[in-house]
Amino acid sequence: MIPTPTNNPTFKAMRHFDEIASLSSPPKSHQPRSSSLIPFVQLPNVDARHIAPGLGNLSLLPPEVRNTIYALLLAPAGPCFVIAATGAAKRFELRERNDGARYEVIRVLQALASTSRQMRQESRTLFYASNHFLVLTYGFEYLPIFVRWLEAIGPDCRAVVRAVSLSGFMWYQPNDSLTSQLHRLLRECRRLRGLTIQLNIRHLCESCLADFDAYFEFEGPQPHDGPLPRVDVTSWVDTIVRMPDVSRFRLDLIMASDREKVKTGRERYFRDFNAERGRVLACDVERRIKERVAELDPSHSGSIRVSYVGGNVRAYHGVPW
C-alpha cells in the first residue's frame, strides 16, 4: 500500500526520474513491442486523457482510495518478463510473449507518469512493490543487464520491490566492479521477499578458478573423489543478511558453452562437466552460506537454496549496449 505523502520520504522530488525521462526516444523499429516505465522504451501515443478522462483529478482523492485504484490498474496476475532493448539509451522492454494485459499496465503507468510528479512516484512505487519481475538476458552477458536494470528503477523503487528473478543464462566476463555493483544494488532492495538469480558457475568460483578447473577436469569414478574448490561466499552471505525480509533466496549455477568455441575445440562442452559433480559443489556452497548466515543473523528464517541446473550451448551475443 502507498503511504501518504506526509509520512514517507518516497514522495520527495526524485532527480533520477527526470534524468531518465530526458533521454531521447529509441528508433521507431523498437517501439511496437516496447514499454516505458521510465527505464523502459516509450510506447507511442500514451496520453492520460486517452487512457482515462479525468485521470489528472486522481490526486484529489484520499490516499487510501488512490491505493485501491493503483492496485486495480497496475498489478496484473503473473510476472513481468523484461529484456534489454538494444540501443544507445540502455533501456528495457517487455518480452514479445508478454500478454496484452501487461502492455495495458505499462500504458496506464506512462499515463500516470505524464500527469504529475506525485502520481508518477506513487504509481511506480506500487507497481514495483506489487509485481514479480523476471529479467531475461538471452545470449548477452548478464552482469551489465542486471546492474543496469537495478540502477534504472531507482533507489525508491529498489527500496520497495519484493519479487525479482535475474536470469543469467548464460554469459559472464570477469568484472569485479560490476560484481560489486550488483551486490550493492541488491542490498538496497531491503523489502525484497523473493530473489532468484542465475550465475555462471565460474562467476561464483572466480576467487578459486585454478581449484575449480582441477575439479572440472577430474576424471575419477566418483564426483566426491576430487577435492572441492573453496568458494568464497562472503559477498552472497552479506547480501542475504542485508535483505531482512527475504523469505526465499535461490542461486542457480549454470555451466555455459560457446557454440563456436566448442566446434573449434577451444572450449569443452558443458556436458563434459559431470552433473553430479556440479550438484556436490552446489550443496557445499549452500551449506556454507546457511551456516554463515545463521552466525551473522540467528533470527533469519528464510529459505536458501543453491542448485546446479546444468548448462546449454548457444551463440554468444556480447553486451547489448
Protein backbone atom coordinates (compact mmCIF):
# COMPACT_ATOMS: atom_id res chain seq x y z
CA MET A 1 0.00 0.00 0.00
CA ILE A 2 1.25 3.50 -0.81
CA PRO A 3 1.79 5.62 2.32
CA THR A 4 0.53 9.18 2.38
CA PRO A 5 2.95 11.83 1.07
CA THR A 6 3.13 13.42 4.52
CA ASN A 7 4.69 10.43 6.24
CA ASN A 8 7.06 8.94 3.66
CA PRO A 9 10.19 10.38 2.01
CA THR A 10 9.43 8.36 -1.13
CA PHE A 11 7.35 11.27 -2.37
CA LYS A 12 10.19 13.81 -2.36
CA ALA A 13 11.41 15.03 -5.74
CA MET A 14 13.43 12.26 -7.42
CA ARG A 15 16.13 13.56 -9.73
CA HIS A 16 16.61 10.07 -11.16
CA PHE A 17 13.22 10.11 -12.86
CA ASP A 18 13.92 13.45 -14.51
CA GLU A 19 17.29 12.21 -15.75
CA ILE A 20 15.84 9.05 -17.28
CA ALA A 21 12.85 10.88 -18.76
CA SER A 22 15.19 13.29 -20.54
CA LEU A 23 16.79 10.51 -22.57
CA SER A 24 15.95 10.57 -26.27
CA SER A 25 13.36 8.17 -27.65
CA PRO A 26 14.65 4.98 -29.30
CA PRO A 27 14.34 4.28 -33.03
CA LYS A 28 10.81 3.56 -34.22
CA SER A 29 11.81 -0.02 -35.05
CA HIS A 30 11.88 -0.72 -31.31
CA GLN A 31 8.52 0.84 -30.48
CA PRO A 32 5.83 -1.70 -31.48
CA ARG A 33 6.50 -4.06 -28.56
CA SER A 34 8.21 -1.68 -26.15
CA SER A 35 7.27 -0.33 -22.78
CA SER A 36 8.26 2.71 -20.82
CA LEU A 37 8.33 2.58 -17.08
CA ILE A 38 10.88 5.41 -17.32
CA PRO A 39 13.86 3.00 -17.67
CA PHE A 40 11.86 1.37 -20.46
CA VAL A 41 11.40 2.29 -24.10
CA GLN A 42 8.50 4.68 -24.69
CA LEU A 43 5.21 3.34 -26.00
CA PRO A 44 3.71 5.60 -28.69
CA ASN A 45 0.56 7.66 -28.23
CA VAL A 46 0.37 7.46 -24.46
CA ASP A 47 -1.81 10.23 -23.12
CA ALA A 48 -3.60 10.42 -19.80
CA ARG A 49 -6.73 11.81 -21.45
CA HIS A 50 -6.78 8.87 -23.86
CA ILE A 51 -6.27 6.22 -21.15
CA ALA A 52 -8.89 7.62 -18.78
CA PRO A 53 -10.57 11.03 -18.98
CA GLY A 54 -10.17 12.91 -15.73
CA LEU A 55 -7.15 10.89 -14.63
CA GLY A 56 -5.44 14.10 -13.56
CA ASN A 57 -8.07 14.51 -10.82
CA LEU A 58 -6.94 11.26 -9.18
CA SER A 59 -4.53 13.21 -6.98
CA LEU A 60 -7.53 14.93 -5.35
CA LEU A 61 -8.78 11.63 -3.91
CA PRO A 62 -7.81 10.39 -0.42
CA PRO A 63 -4.60 8.28 -0.34
CA GLU A 64 -6.43 5.07 0.55
CA VAL A 65 -8.71 5.48 -2.47
CA ARG A 66 -5.74 6.13 -4.74
CA ASN A 67 -4.09 2.99 -3.35
CA THR A 68 -7.10 0.91 -4.32
CA ILE A 69 -7.21 2.37 -7.83
CA TYR A 70 -3.47 1.88 -8.38
CA ALA A 71 -3.73 -1.74 -7.23
CA LEU A 72 -6.54 -2.44 -9.70
CA LEU A 73 -4.71 -0.79 -12.59
CA LEU A 74 -1.09 -1.83 -12.03
CA ALA A 75 -0.95 -5.35 -10.59
CA PRO A 76 -1.77 -7.94 -13.29
CA ALA A 77 -1.57 -11.65 -12.50
CA GLY A 78 1.74 -13.30 -13.32
CA PRO A 79 5.27 -11.95 -13.72
CA CYS A 80 6.54 -9.18 -15.99
CA PHE A 81 9.18 -10.57 -18.37
CA VAL A 82 11.78 -7.87 -19.08
CA ILE A 83 14.53 -7.84 -21.73
CA ALA A 84 17.21 -5.37 -22.75
CA ALA A 85 16.27 -3.07 -25.63
CA THR A 86 19.34 -2.63 -27.80
CA GLY A 87 20.19 0.99 -28.49
CA ALA A 88 22.15 3.90 -27.09
CA ALA A 89 19.59 4.69 -24.36
CA LYS A 90 20.28 1.46 -22.40
CA ARG A 91 16.62 0.87 -21.70
CA PHE A 92 14.40 -2.19 -21.37
CA GLU A 93 11.19 -3.55 -22.87
CA LEU A 94 8.66 -6.27 -22.25
CA ARG A 95 9.47 -9.60 -23.84
CA GLU A 96 7.48 -10.13 -27.02
CA ARG A 97 5.49 -13.01 -25.50
CA ASN A 98 4.01 -10.92 -22.69
CA ASP A 99 0.24 -10.82 -23.00
CA GLY A 100 -1.72 -7.68 -23.84
CA ALA A 101 -2.73 -7.03 -20.24
CA ARG A 102 0.85 -6.21 -19.31
CA TYR A 103 1.16 -3.70 -22.14
CA GLU A 104 -2.00 -2.02 -20.91
CA VAL A 105 -0.48 -1.80 -17.43
CA ILE A 106 2.57 -0.06 -18.92
CA ARG A 107 0.33 2.34 -20.85
CA VAL A 108 -1.51 3.25 -17.66
CA LEU A 109 1.78 3.68 -15.81
CA GLN A 110 3.03 6.02 -18.54
CA ALA A 111 -0.21 7.97 -18.45
CA LEU A 112 0.03 8.39 -14.69
CA ALA A 113 3.67 9.48 -15.03
CA SER A 114 2.68 12.19 -17.51
CA THR A 115 0.01 13.60 -15.19
CA SER A 116 2.05 14.78 -12.20
CA ARG A 117 5.22 14.02 -10.31
CA GLN A 118 3.26 12.90 -7.26
CA MET A 119 1.21 10.37 -9.24
CA ARG A 120 4.32 9.16 -11.07
CA GLN A 121 6.05 8.46 -7.77
CA GLU A 122 3.04 6.80 -6.16
CA SER A 123 2.18 4.62 -9.15
CA ARG A 124 5.78 3.50 -9.73
CA THR A 125 6.18 2.62 -6.06
CA LEU A 126 3.08 0.42 -6.08
CA PHE A 127 3.98 -1.10 -9.46
CA TYR A 128 7.37 -2.31 -8.25
CA ALA A 129 6.01 -3.40 -4.87
CA SER A 130 3.19 -5.46 -6.40
CA ASN A 131 4.73 -7.28 -9.38
CA HIS A 132 7.22 -10.07 -9.95
CA PHE A 133 9.96 -9.04 -12.39
CA LEU A 134 11.81 -11.62 -14.47
CA VAL A 135 14.83 -10.01 -16.16
CA LEU A 136 15.95 -12.15 -19.12
CA THR A 137 19.37 -11.82 -20.77
CA TYR A 138 19.23 -14.42 -23.57
CA GLY A 139 22.66 -14.63 -25.27
CA PHE A 140 24.00 -11.37 -23.84
CA GLU A 141 26.37 -11.00 -20.91
CA TYR A 142 24.19 -10.88 -17.84
CA LEU A 143 26.14 -8.65 -15.44
CA PRO A 144 25.69 -5.36 -17.37
CA ILE A 145 21.96 -6.09 -17.77
CA PHE A 146 21.38 -6.98 -14.11
CA VAL A 147 23.24 -3.90 -12.89
CA ARG A 148 21.63 -1.53 -15.40
CA TRP A 149 18.08 -2.70 -14.59
CA LEU A 150 18.57 -2.34 -10.84
CA GLU A 151 20.11 1.11 -11.37
CA ALA A 152 17.37 2.22 -13.74
CA ILE A 153 14.42 1.54 -11.45
CA GLY A 154 15.93 3.97 -8.96
CA PRO A 155 16.60 3.87 -5.20
CA ASP A 156 12.99 4.43 -4.14
CA CYS A 157 11.72 1.50 -6.19
CA ARG A 158 14.64 -0.70 -5.13
CA ALA A 159 13.52 0.01 -1.57
CA VAL A 160 10.05 -1.48 -2.20
CA VAL A 161 10.47 -4.15 -4.89
CA ARG A 162 9.51 -7.56 -3.50
CA ALA A 163 9.98 -10.25 -6.14
CA VAL A 164 12.84 -10.40 -8.66
CA SER A 165 14.28 -13.16 -10.84
CA LEU A 166 17.54 -12.41 -12.67
CA SER A 167 18.05 -14.95 -15.42
CA GLY A 168 21.77 -15.02 -16.24
CA PHE A 169 21.57 -17.84 -18.74
CA MET A 170 24.49 -17.89 -19.51
CA TRP A 171 27.29 -15.45 -20.32
CA TYR A 172 29.73 -13.83 -17.94
CA GLN A 173 33.01 -11.98 -18.37
CA PRO A 174 35.10 -11.31 -15.24
CA ASN A 175 34.35 -7.82 -13.96
CA ASP A 176 34.98 -7.13 -10.27
CA SER A 177 33.48 -3.65 -10.49
CA LEU A 178 30.13 -4.83 -11.90
CA THR A 179 30.01 -7.74 -9.44
CA SER A 180 30.46 -5.29 -6.55
CA GLN A 181 27.78 -3.02 -8.02
CA LEU A 182 25.37 -5.94 -8.30
CA HIS A 183 25.75 -6.76 -4.62
CA ARG A 184 25.46 -3.10 -3.60
CA LEU A 185 22.22 -2.65 -5.55
CA LEU A 186 20.71 -5.91 -4.28
CA ARG A 187 21.46 -4.87 -0.70
CA GLU A 188 19.37 -1.75 -1.28
CA CYS A 189 16.34 -3.98 -2.02
CA ARG A 190 15.52 -4.19 1.66
CA ARG A 191 11.87 -5.19 1.17
CA LEU A 192 12.73 -7.99 -1.23
CA ARG A 193 10.94 -11.21 -0.30
CA GLY A 194 11.88 -13.47 -3.18
CA LEU A 195 15.13 -13.44 -5.17
CA THR A 196 16.17 -15.98 -7.79
CA ILE A 197 19.43 -15.37 -9.62
CA GLN A 198 21.29 -17.46 -12.19
CA LEU A 199 25.07 -17.29 -12.32
CA ASN A 200 27.72 -18.86 -14.49
CA ILE A 201 29.42 -21.32 -12.15
CA ARG A 202 32.79 -19.78 -12.99
CA HIS A 203 31.49 -16.43 -11.76
CA LEU A 204 30.79 -17.90 -8.34
CA CYS A 205 34.18 -19.65 -8.31
CA GLU A 206 36.32 -16.85 -9.72
CA SER A 207 38.25 -16.48 -6.45
CA CYS A 208 39.43 -20.10 -6.79
CA LEU A 209 39.39 -20.75 -10.55
CA ALA A 210 42.52 -22.92 -10.51
CA ASP A 211 40.91 -25.25 -7.96
CA PHE A 212 37.64 -25.19 -9.89
CA ASP A 213 39.39 -26.11 -13.15
CA ALA A 214 41.07 -29.03 -11.38
CA TYR A 215 37.67 -30.10 -10.07
CA PHE A 216 36.16 -29.68 -13.53
CA GLU A 217 38.90 -31.74 -15.21
CA PHE A 218 38.90 -34.53 -12.64
CA GLU A 219 38.33 -37.90 -14.30
CA GLY A 220 37.87 -40.13 -11.25
CA PRO A 221 34.98 -42.61 -10.98
CA GLN A 222 33.16 -40.71 -8.25
CA PRO A 223 32.40 -36.98 -8.16
CA HIS A 224 33.23 -36.93 -4.45
CA ASP A 225 36.78 -38.14 -5.08
CA GLY A 226 38.10 -34.76 -6.24
CA PRO A 227 38.80 -32.01 -3.67
CA LEU A 228 36.07 -29.34 -3.61
CA PRO A 229 37.17 -25.80 -4.51
CA ARG A 230 36.88 -23.45 -1.56
CA VAL A 231 34.36 -20.94 -2.91
CA ASP A 232 34.32 -17.51 -1.27
CA VAL A 233 30.68 -16.99 -0.21
CA THR A 234 31.26 -13.80 1.81
CA SER A 235 29.58 -11.40 -0.64
CA TRP A 236 26.46 -13.52 -1.01
CA VAL A 237 26.18 -14.01 2.75
CA ASP A 238 26.42 -10.25 3.32
CA THR A 239 23.81 -9.61 0.62
CA ILE A 240 21.32 -12.08 2.13
CA VAL A 241 21.79 -10.69 5.63
CA ARG A 242 21.17 -7.14 4.40
CA MET A 243 17.81 -8.12 2.87
CA PRO A 244 15.92 -8.70 6.15
CA ASP A 245 12.55 -9.51 4.54
CA VAL A 246 13.81 -12.14 2.09
CA SER A 247 11.98 -15.43 2.66
CA ARG A 248 13.21 -17.22 -0.47
CA PHE A 249 16.71 -16.93 -1.90
CA ARG A 250 17.65 -19.19 -4.78
CA LEU A 251 21.01 -19.30 -6.55
CA ASP A 252 21.09 -21.39 -9.76
CA LEU A 253 24.54 -22.28 -11.09
CA ILE A 254 25.00 -22.83 -14.82
CA MET A 255 27.84 -24.18 -16.93
CA ALA A 256 27.87 -22.29 -20.24
CA SER A 257 29.44 -23.36 -23.52
CA ASP A 258 30.07 -21.13 -26.52
CA ARG A 259 28.87 -23.00 -29.61
CA GLU A 260 31.66 -21.72 -31.87
CA LYS A 261 34.40 -22.41 -29.33
CA VAL A 262 33.14 -25.96 -28.79
CA LYS A 263 33.19 -26.60 -32.55
CA THR A 264 36.80 -25.47 -32.86
CA GLY A 265 37.99 -27.28 -29.75
CA ARG A 266 38.78 -24.12 -27.79
CA GLU A 267 36.24 -24.91 -25.09
CA ARG A 268 34.86 -28.09 -23.58
CA TYR A 269 31.21 -28.98 -24.00
CA PHE A 270 29.25 -28.35 -20.82
CA ARG A 271 28.12 -31.97 -20.70
CA ASP A 272 31.74 -32.94 -20.06
CA PHE A 273 31.27 -31.47 -16.61
CA ASN A 274 29.69 -34.25 -14.58
CA ALA A 275 26.27 -33.04 -13.40
CA GLU A 276 26.66 -34.90 -10.12
CA ARG A 277 29.93 -33.06 -9.53
CA GLY A 278 28.06 -29.78 -10.02
CA ARG A 279 25.39 -30.81 -7.52
CA VAL A 280 28.01 -31.77 -4.93
CA LEU A 281 29.66 -28.36 -5.28
CA ALA A 282 26.28 -26.56 -5.08
CA CYS A 283 25.35 -28.45 -1.90
CA ASP A 284 28.66 -27.47 -0.30
CA VAL A 285 28.14 -23.80 -1.21
CA GLU A 286 24.56 -23.90 0.12
CA ARG A 287 25.67 -25.44 3.41
CA ARG A 288 28.38 -22.84 3.97
CA ILE A 289 26.07 -19.92 3.11
CA LYS A 290 23.42 -21.19 5.54
CA GLU A 291 25.95 -21.68 8.32
CA ARG A 292 27.42 -18.22 7.90
CA VAL A 293 24.01 -16.50 7.66
CA ALA A 294 22.93 -18.27 10.86
CA GLU A 295 26.05 -16.96 12.61
CA LEU A 296 25.51 -13.37 11.49
CA ASP A 297 21.72 -13.29 11.82
CA PRO A 298 20.29 -16.01 14.12
CA SER A 299 16.77 -14.67 13.50
CA HIS A 300 16.95 -15.32 9.75
CA SER A 301 14.32 -17.92 8.85
CA GLY A 302 14.16 -17.63 5.07
CA SER A 303 14.78 -20.45 2.63
CA ILE A 304 18.24 -20.56 0.99
CA ARG A 305 18.76 -22.85 -1.98
CA VAL A 306 21.81 -23.30 -4.22
CA SER A 307 21.43 -25.65 -7.20
CA TYR A 308 23.44 -26.76 -10.18
CA VAL A 309 20.93 -26.67 -13.04
CA GLY A 310 23.12 -27.86 -15.90
CA GLY A 311 24.02 -25.80 -18.90
CA ASN A 312 23.45 -25.03 -22.53
CA VAL A 313 25.37 -24.35 -25.71
CA ARG A 314 24.41 -21.34 -27.79
CA ALA A 315 25.83 -18.37 -29.66
CA TYR A 316 27.42 -15.59 -27.63
CA HIS A 317 25.94 -12.14 -28.33
CA GLY A 318 28.30 -9.99 -26.25
CA VAL A 319 26.80 -6.97 -24.49
CA PRO A 320 23.55 -5.26 -25.56
CA TRP A 321 24.85 -1.69 -25.35
